[in-house]
Amino acid sequence: MVGNIKSTFHPLLQKIPYIGKIAVDQYFYFCDNSPFRLNKKTYKNKGLLN
């Protein structure tokens, strides 16, 4: 049972980082007043954002 669940969700698990990156990009794009705005350069320097 556990093996079946793992194999079923494996493709979704592979896409989570990609979906997460898009979500972060959208967050920065739409939320100019977000508390992370000033730290955007820091995130880019750390390679977390392209």
N, C-alpha and C. Protein backbone atom coordinates (compact mmCIF):
# COMPACT_ATOMS: atom_id res chain seq x y z
N MET A 1 0.84 -1.21 0.00
CA MET A 1 0.00 0.00 0.00
C MET A 1 0.87 1.25 0.00
N VAL A 2 1.86 1.27 0.90
CA VAL A 2 2.74 2.44 0.97
C VAL A 2 3.50 2.60 -0.34
N GLY A 3 3.95 1.50 -0.91
CA GLY A 3 4.67 1.57 -2.17
C GLY A 3 3.81 2.14 -3.29
N ASN A 4 2.53 1.74 -3.30
CA ASN A 4 1.62 2.25 -4.33
C ASN A 4 1.41 3.75 -4.18
N ILE A 5 1.25 4.20 -2.95
CA ILE A 5 1.06 5.64 -2.72
C ILE A 5 2.31 6.39 -3.16
N LYS A 6 3.47 5.86 -2.82
CA LYS A 6 4.71 6.56 -3.17
C LYS A 6 4.87 6.67 -4.68
N SER A 7 4.59 5.59 -5.40
CA SER A 7 4.76 5.62 -6.84
C SER A 7 3.71 6.51 -7.49
N THR A 8 2.53 6.61 -6.87
CA THR A 8 1.47 7.44 -7.42
C THR A 8 1.82 8.92 -7.31
N PHE A 9 2.39 9.30 -6.17
CA PHE A 9 2.67 10.72 -5.94
C PHE A 9 4.07 11.13 -6.36
N HIS A 10 4.89 10.19 -6.78
CA HIS A 10 6.28 10.52 -7.13
C HIS A 10 6.37 11.60 -8.21
N PRO A 11 5.59 11.53 -9.31
CA PRO A 11 5.67 12.60 -10.32
C PRO A 11 5.31 13.96 -9.74
N LEU A 12 4.35 14.00 -8.82
CA LEU A 12 3.98 15.27 -8.20
C LEU A 12 5.11 15.78 -7.33
N LEU A 13 5.76 14.87 -6.61
CA LEU A 13 6.84 15.29 -5.72
C LEU A 13 7.99 15.89 -6.53
N GLN A 14 8.20 15.37 -7.74
CA GLN A 14 9.28 15.91 -8.57
C GLN A 14 8.95 17.33 -9.04
N LYS A 15 7.65 17.64 -9.15
CA LYS A 15 7.26 18.96 -9.67
C LYS A 15 7.16 20.01 -8.57
N ILE A 16 7.17 19.60 -7.30
CA ILE A 16 6.99 20.56 -6.21
C ILE A 16 8.04 21.69 -6.24
N PRO A 17 9.33 21.40 -6.43
CA PRO A 17 10.30 22.50 -6.46
C PRO A 17 10.01 23.50 -7.58
N TYR A 18 9.61 23.00 -8.74
CA TYR A 18 9.29 23.88 -9.88
C TYR A 18 8.07 24.73 -9.55
N ILE A 19 7.02 24.11 -9.01
CA ILE A 19 5.81 24.84 -8.63
C ILE A 19 6.15 25.85 -7.54
N GLY A 20 6.98 25.45 -6.60
CA GLY A 20 7.38 26.35 -5.52
C GLY A 20 8.13 27.56 -6.05
N LYS A 21 9.00 27.36 -7.02
CA LYS A 21 9.76 28.48 -7.59
C LYS A 21 8.81 29.45 -8.29
N ILE A 22 7.85 28.93 -9.03
CA ILE A 22 6.88 29.81 -9.70
C ILE A 22 6.08 30.58 -8.67
N ALA A 23 5.68 29.91 -7.59
CA ALA A 23 4.91 30.58 -6.55
C ALA A 23 5.71 31.72 -5.93
N VAL A 24 6.99 31.47 -5.68
CA VAL A 24 7.85 32.51 -5.10
C VAL A 24 8.02 33.68 -6.08
N ASP A 25 8.23 33.35 -7.36
CA ASP A 25 8.39 34.40 -8.37
C ASP A 25 7.12 35.25 -8.45
N GLN A 26 5.95 34.59 -8.42
CA GLN A 26 4.69 35.32 -8.49
C GLN A 26 4.51 36.18 -7.24
N TYR A 27 4.92 35.63 -6.11
CA TYR A 27 4.79 36.37 -4.85
C TYR A 27 5.60 37.67 -4.92
N PHE A 28 6.82 37.57 -5.37
CA PHE A 28 7.66 38.77 -5.47
C PHE A 28 7.11 39.73 -6.52
N TYR A 29 6.55 39.18 -7.58
CA TYR A 29 6.05 40.03 -8.67
C TYR A 29 4.83 40.83 -8.23
N PHE A 30 3.92 40.17 -7.51
CA PHE A 30 2.66 40.81 -7.15
C PHE A 30 2.71 41.57 -5.83
N CYS A 31 3.61 41.19 -4.94
CA CYS A 31 3.62 41.79 -3.60
C CYS A 31 4.81 42.73 -3.45
N ASP A 32 4.74 43.89 -4.11
CA ASP A 32 5.83 44.85 -4.03
C ASP A 32 6.04 45.35 -2.61
N ASN A 33 4.99 45.32 -1.81
CA ASN A 33 5.09 45.81 -0.44
C ASN A 33 5.38 44.68 0.55
N SER A 34 5.73 43.51 0.03
CA SER A 34 5.99 42.39 0.93
C SER A 34 7.26 42.64 1.74
N PRO A 35 7.34 42.05 2.92
CA PRO A 35 8.53 42.23 3.76
C PRO A 35 9.78 41.65 3.12
N PHE A 36 9.62 40.81 2.10
CA PHE A 36 10.78 40.19 1.45
C PHE A 36 11.35 41.06 0.35
N ARG A 37 10.67 42.16 0.02
CA ARG A 37 11.10 42.97 -1.12
C ARG A 37 12.54 43.44 -0.97
N LEU A 38 12.88 43.93 0.22
CA LEU A 38 14.23 44.45 0.43
C LEU A 38 15.28 43.35 0.39
N ASN A 39 14.83 42.12 0.65
CA ASN A 39 15.77 41.00 0.69
C ASN A 39 15.86 40.27 -0.64
N LYS A 40 15.17 40.76 -1.66
CA LYS A 40 15.15 40.05 -2.93
C LYS A 40 16.55 39.91 -3.49
N LYS A 41 17.36 40.96 -3.37
CA LYS A 41 18.72 40.90 -3.87
C LYS A 41 19.51 39.82 -3.14
N THR A 42 19.28 39.70 -1.83
CA THR A 42 19.96 38.68 -1.04
C THR A 42 19.58 37.29 -1.53
N TYR A 43 18.29 37.09 -1.80
CA TYR A 43 17.85 35.78 -2.29
C TYR A 43 18.51 35.48 -3.63
N LYS A 44 18.58 36.48 -4.50
CA LYS A 44 19.21 36.27 -5.81
C LYS A 44 20.68 35.91 -5.63
N ASN A 45 21.36 36.60 -4.70
CA ASN A 45 22.78 36.34 -4.49
C ASN A 45 23.01 34.93 -3.98
N LYS A 46 22.05 34.41 -3.23
CA LYS A 46 22.19 33.06 -2.70
C LYS A 46 21.81 32.00 -3.72
N GLY A 47 21.29 32.45 -4.87
CA GLY A 47 20.94 31.51 -5.93
C GLY A 47 19.58 30.88 -5.74
N LEU A 48 18.76 31.41 -4.80
CA LEU A 48 17.44 30.84 -4.59
C LEU A 48 16.46 31.30 -5.65
N LEU A 49 16.76 32.46 -6.25
CA LEU A 49 15.94 32.95 -7.36
C LEU A 49 16.85 33.20 -8.55
N ASN A 50 16.30 33.02 -9.73
CA ASN A 50 17.10 33.27 -10.92
C ASN A 50 17.15 34.75 -11.23
